[in-house]
Protein backbone atom coordinates (compact mmCIF):
# COMPACT_ATOMS: atom_id res chain seq x y z
CA MET A 1 81.71 223.74 -70.18
CA PRO A 2 82.11 223.39 -66.13
CA TYR A 3 84.88 224.83 -63.89
CA ARG A 4 88.15 222.80 -63.32
CA ASN A 5 88.46 221.75 -59.45
CA LEU A 6 91.44 223.69 -58.68
CA LYS A 7 93.52 223.76 -55.06
CA ALA A 8 95.99 225.42 -53.49
CA THR A 9 99.14 223.59 -51.40
CA GLU A 10 97.42 221.54 -48.57
CA THR A 11 99.30 223.46 -46.19
CA ALA A 12 98.10 226.79 -48.07
CA GLU A 13 94.68 225.55 -47.69
CA THR A 14 94.81 225.27 -44.09
CA ILE A 15 96.23 228.66 -43.98
CA PHE A 16 93.02 230.07 -46.19
CA ASN A 17 90.51 228.43 -44.14
CA ASP A 18 91.95 229.37 -40.63
CA PHE A 19 92.33 232.98 -41.50
CA LEU A 20 88.41 232.79 -42.72
CA ALA A 21 86.99 231.28 -39.70
CA ARG A 22 89.14 233.07 -37.19
CA LEU A 23 87.70 236.24 -39.33
CA GLU A 24 84.08 235.22 -39.62
CA GLU A 25 84.25 234.34 -35.51
CA LYS A 26 85.38 238.23 -34.73
CA ILE A 27 82.57 239.28 -36.77
CA ASN A 28 80.22 237.43 -34.79
CA ASP A 29 81.79 238.61 -31.75
CA THR A 30 79.40 240.95 -30.41
CA SER A 31 81.91 242.41 -27.75
CA LEU A 32 84.00 243.56 -30.84
CA ASP A 33 83.84 246.61 -32.60
CA ARG A 34 83.36 245.71 -36.36
CA ASN A 35 85.31 249.06 -37.49
CA ASP A 36 88.04 248.37 -35.23
CA LEU A 37 88.45 244.57 -36.60
CA VAL A 38 88.14 245.96 -40.35
CA ARG A 39 91.24 248.23 -39.69
CA ASP A 40 93.48 245.61 -37.61
CA THR A 41 92.70 242.96 -40.54
CA LEU A 42 93.47 245.49 -43.46
CA TYR A 43 96.76 246.37 -41.88
CA GLU A 44 97.75 242.77 -41.69
CA ILE A 45 96.91 241.92 -45.32
CA TYR A 46 98.87 245.14 -46.59
CA PHE A 47 101.60 245.82 -44.16
CA GLY A 48 101.80 241.65 -43.35
CA GLN A 49 102.34 242.17 -39.65
CA ARG A 50 100.19 242.89 -36.57
CA PRO A 51 99.05 246.04 -35.94
CA ASN A 52 100.74 248.45 -33.11
CA ILE A 53 97.42 250.55 -32.05
CA LYS A 54 99.68 253.24 -30.41
CA ASN A 55 102.12 253.39 -33.29
CA PHE A 56 99.61 253.45 -35.98
CA TYR A 57 99.90 257.30 -36.93
CA SER A 58 103.83 257.26 -36.12
CA HIS A 59 105.80 259.72 -37.59
CA LYS A 60 108.39 256.77 -38.36
CA HIS A 61 106.22 255.62 -41.19
CA PRO A 62 105.99 258.07 -44.54
CA VAL A 63 103.17 260.76 -44.63
CA ALA A 64 101.49 258.87 -47.29
CA ALA A 65 101.98 255.29 -45.55
CA ARG A 66 100.18 257.27 -42.91
CA ALA A 67 97.49 257.93 -44.59
CA LEU A 68 97.07 254.72 -45.93
CA ILE A 69 97.16 253.47 -42.37
CA ALA A 70 94.17 255.85 -41.66
CA SER A 71 92.18 255.43 -44.75
CA LEU A 72 91.92 251.08 -43.37
CA ASP A 73 89.93 252.54 -40.76
CA PRO A 74 85.96 252.60 -42.04
CA ARG A 75 85.64 255.45 -39.35
CA ASN A 76 88.11 257.07 -42.03
CA THR A 77 86.40 256.75 -44.99
CA THR A 78 82.90 257.69 -46.93
CA MET A 79 81.67 255.64 -49.77
CA GLU A 80 79.09 257.10 -52.46
CA PRO A 81 76.05 255.57 -50.81
CA GLU A 82 76.71 257.72 -47.83
CA TYR A 83 75.95 261.36 -49.82
CA TYR A 84 72.45 259.61 -50.78
CA THR A 85 69.50 261.16 -48.77
CA ASP A 86 67.41 258.08 -49.38
CA LEU A 87 69.85 256.09 -47.21
CA ASP A 88 68.90 253.96 -44.38
CA GLN A 89 71.92 255.36 -42.14
CA GLU A 90 71.34 253.08 -39.62
CA LYS A 91 71.19 249.80 -41.94
CA TYR A 92 74.07 251.25 -43.85
CA ALA A 93 76.45 251.58 -40.49
CA ASN A 94 76.47 248.34 -39.30
CA ILE A 95 77.39 246.77 -42.92
CA LYS A 96 79.53 249.66 -43.75
CA PRO A 97 82.70 248.16 -42.15
CA LEU A 98 82.44 244.58 -43.93
CA ILE A 99 81.71 246.69 -47.55
CA TRP A 100 84.97 248.42 -46.59
CA LEU A 101 86.57 245.43 -45.69
CA TRP A 102 85.40 243.32 -49.26
CA GLN A 103 86.41 246.29 -51.50
CA MET A 104 89.88 246.88 -49.68
CA PHE A 105 90.40 243.05 -49.83
CA ASP A 106 89.58 242.89 -53.53
CA ARG A 107 92.61 246.21 -54.14
CA SER A 108 95.29 243.85 -52.18
CA PRO A 109 97.42 241.32 -53.45
CA LEU A 110 94.74 238.50 -52.04
CA GLY A 111 92.15 240.01 -53.87
CA GLY A 112 93.03 238.36 -57.39
CA ASN A 113 93.74 235.08 -55.59
CA LEU A 114 90.42 233.32 -56.06
CA LEU A 115 91.23 230.24 -54.35
CA LEU A 116 90.97 232.31 -51.23
CA ALA A 117 88.83 235.64 -52.83
CA PHE A 118 85.21 233.34 -53.75
CA SER A 119 85.55 231.94 -49.96
CA PHE A 120 86.24 234.98 -48.67
CA ARG A 121 83.52 236.87 -50.26
CA ARG A 122 80.83 233.87 -49.83
CA MET A 123 81.83 234.55 -45.85
CA LEU A 124 80.96 237.86 -46.25
CA ALA A 125 78.09 238.49 -48.56
CA PRO A 126 75.38 236.99 -46.01
CA TYR A 127 76.15 239.88 -43.18
CA ILE A 128 75.94 242.29 -45.96
CA PHE A 129 73.08 241.41 -48.30
CA ARG A 130 69.68 241.37 -47.68
CA LYS A 131 69.91 237.60 -48.62
CA VAL A 132 71.94 234.95 -50.35
CA GLY A 133 71.82 231.44 -51.50
CA LYS A 134 74.29 228.62 -51.67
CA ASN A 135 77.16 228.40 -54.17
CA PHE A 136 77.30 232.32 -54.77
CA LYS A 137 80.38 232.82 -56.67
CA CYS A 138 81.83 236.44 -57.22
CA PHE A 139 85.07 237.54 -58.92
CA HIS A 140 86.70 241.05 -57.82
CA PHE A 141 85.53 244.10 -58.44
CA VAL A 142 81.97 243.65 -58.26
CA GLU A 143 80.25 246.98 -56.61
CA TRP A 144 76.85 247.82 -55.25
CA SER A 145 75.19 250.58 -53.79
CA PHE A 146 73.62 249.81 -50.49
CA GLY A 147 74.07 246.35 -50.03
CA TYR A 148 70.78 245.38 -47.81
CA ASN A 149 68.55 245.70 -50.72
CA LEU A 150 69.94 243.10 -52.77
CA THR A 151 68.76 239.65 -52.78
CA ILE A 152 70.35 236.90 -54.37
CA GLY A 153 69.31 233.39 -55.03
CA ASP A 154 71.24 229.91 -55.25
CA ASN A 155 73.95 229.21 -57.90
CA VAL A 156 74.87 232.83 -59.10
CA VAL A 157 77.79 233.84 -60.88
CA VAL A 158 78.71 237.60 -60.73
CA HIS A 159 82.16 237.92 -62.59
CA ARG A 160 84.78 241.15 -62.96
CA ASN A 161 83.26 244.87 -62.64
CA VAL A 162 79.91 244.19 -62.69
CA LEU A 163 77.76 247.42 -60.55
CA LEU A 164 74.48 246.19 -58.94
CA ASP A 165 72.44 249.59 -58.07
CA ASP A 166 70.14 247.89 -55.21
CA ARG A 167 69.44 251.64 -54.45
CA GLY A 168 65.52 250.79 -54.84
CA GLU A 169 66.34 247.12 -54.47
CA ILE A 170 67.49 244.46 -56.88
CA ILE A 171 66.04 240.68 -56.43
CA ILE A 172 68.41 237.99 -58.17
CA GLY A 173 66.61 234.86 -58.57
CA ASN A 174 68.71 231.24 -58.91
CA ASN A 175 71.43 230.04 -61.58
CA VAL A 176 71.83 233.37 -63.00
CA SER A 177 75.32 234.34 -64.34
CA ILE A 178 76.10 238.22 -64.51
CA SER A 179 79.33 238.79 -66.56
CA ASP A 180 81.67 240.93 -66.83
CA TYR A 181 80.99 244.65 -66.69
CA ALA A 182 77.37 244.39 -66.71
CA ASN A 183 75.21 246.97 -64.67
CA VAL A 184 71.93 246.53 -63.33
CA TYR A 185 69.68 249.63 -62.02
CA SER A 186 67.09 249.86 -59.55
CA HIS A 187 66.93 253.91 -59.79
CA SER A 188 66.10 257.08 -62.06
CA HIS A 189 66.87 260.45 -62.66
CA SER A 190 64.35 262.91 -63.76
CA VAL A 191 64.93 264.23 -67.05
CA THR A 192 63.90 267.50 -65.62
CA ASP A 193 65.76 267.52 -62.54
CA ILE A 194 68.55 265.27 -61.43
CA HIS A 195 67.99 265.73 -57.92
CA ASP A 196 64.18 263.53 -58.33
CA ILE A 197 64.74 260.43 -57.91
CA THR A 198 62.56 257.42 -58.68
CA SER A 199 63.57 254.01 -56.85
CA ARG A 200 61.59 250.98 -58.74
CA PRO A 201 62.64 246.95 -57.80
CA THR A 202 64.19 245.10 -60.77
CA ILE A 203 63.66 241.85 -60.74
CA ILE A 204 66.12 239.01 -62.25
CA HIS A 205 64.67 235.69 -62.88
CA ASP A 206 65.81 231.97 -62.39
CA ASN A 207 68.41 231.32 -64.97
CA VAL A 208 68.85 234.26 -66.69
CA ARG A 209 72.24 235.63 -68.60
CA LEU A 210 72.99 239.19 -68.76
CA THR A 211 76.32 238.85 -71.02
CA TYR A 212 79.31 241.06 -71.52
CA HIS A 213 78.93 245.16 -70.96
CA SER A 214 74.59 244.64 -70.71
CA THR A 215 72.81 247.31 -68.91
CA VAL A 216 69.71 246.78 -67.33
CA LEU A 217 67.67 249.97 -66.27
CA ALA A 218 65.57 250.44 -63.02
CA GLY A 219 62.27 248.70 -62.80
CA LEU A 220 62.57 246.18 -65.34
CA THR A 221 61.86 242.41 -65.01
CA ILE A 222 63.95 239.90 -67.02
CA GLY A 223 61.71 236.67 -67.19
CA GLU A 224 63.49 233.23 -66.41
CA ASN A 225 65.40 232.19 -69.07
CA GLY A 226 65.82 235.28 -70.68
CA MET A 227 68.97 236.98 -71.71
CA VAL A 228 70.38 240.58 -72.35
CA GLY A 229 73.12 240.30 -75.18
CA ALA A 230 76.63 241.89 -75.21
CA MET A 231 76.47 245.58 -75.38
CA GLY A 232 72.59 245.22 -74.82
CA LEU A 233 70.16 247.84 -73.17
CA ALA A 234 67.13 246.97 -71.34
CA THR A 235 64.97 249.36 -71.66
CA ARG A 236 61.82 247.36 -71.15
CA ASP A 237 61.33 244.16 -69.57
CA VAL A 238 62.41 240.73 -71.28
CA LYS A 239 60.15 237.92 -71.72
CA PRO A 240 61.15 234.47 -70.30
CA TYR A 241 63.24 232.93 -72.70
CA HIS A 242 63.81 235.54 -74.90
CA VAL A 243 67.12 236.84 -75.79
CA ASN A 244 67.56 240.41 -76.12
CA VAL A 245 69.58 242.49 -78.00
CA GLY A 246 70.74 245.74 -79.11
CA ILE A 247 70.44 249.51 -77.91
CA PRO A 248 67.63 249.66 -77.04
CA ALA A 249 67.33 245.83 -76.94
CA LYS A 250 64.74 244.33 -78.22
CA SER A 251 63.71 240.49 -78.86
CA ILE A 252 65.49 238.64 -81.76
CA LEU A 253 65.56 235.26 -80.47
CA LEU A 254 63.29 232.74 -79.12
CA LYS A 255 65.48 229.78 -76.87
CA SER A 256 64.79 226.55 -78.18
CA ASN A 257 64.03 224.83 -75.10
CA ALA A 258 61.15 227.78 -74.42
CA PRO A 259 57.35 226.26 -73.37
CA GLU A 260 54.74 226.75 -75.99
CA GLN A 261 53.12 229.73 -73.77
CA TYR A 262 56.31 231.70 -74.37
CA LYS A 263 56.62 230.97 -78.86
CA LYS A 264 56.23 234.14 -79.62
CA ILE A 265 58.91 237.10 -80.92
CA ASP A 266 58.01 240.92 -80.69
């Protein structure tokens, strides 16, 4: 069923649009340091007032509040990918402030307001990911590894608490739906040496559905109109129009709209 068309009050819609327009304008202002921009934006979101730079770490704030204020600045934070030796530090440094803004926005009271949050994430995504198509819809608490190795097509929906490990690259086609708590990987570890990493692109073709709590391992291809069922663990490619379920996931069903060349179940 299609989503209902919901709106805020006219006043709130104006405020939301103004917030996003001003933020994007600042993101594109090359005279501004993105770390400063993110720090100040998050301060306004969390404390409800304009930041006073001179009094950021004033002792008038409790020590826990000072720790929070310090952590609003991306320069005072580290994220998991920064510990990986295969990270392109130059690429990541440019987008890290915006990744931190996205994640901290999600954890703020604003992050659960989908009327604003969908537009906020849709606005930020092209500045972080390699490519993002039209009508991208992303729910809260979605995470990724590098960001710059992630390609997303048109009309893609990513639901809550999804992990997109683009360390080795993930390519997502058009009209793809990724359900809550799904995991897509693009790197793996040697059985004998945890530090021996293999990175391989993972490809999710058009019209694919990855359903609740499913997992796709590194280097796999999920064919057009393919589906991985709830809790399914894809350890091999999923053929176009096939529905794979189980651990490990196996094809149990061919979609009724499959073209003749795909009408075979292993």
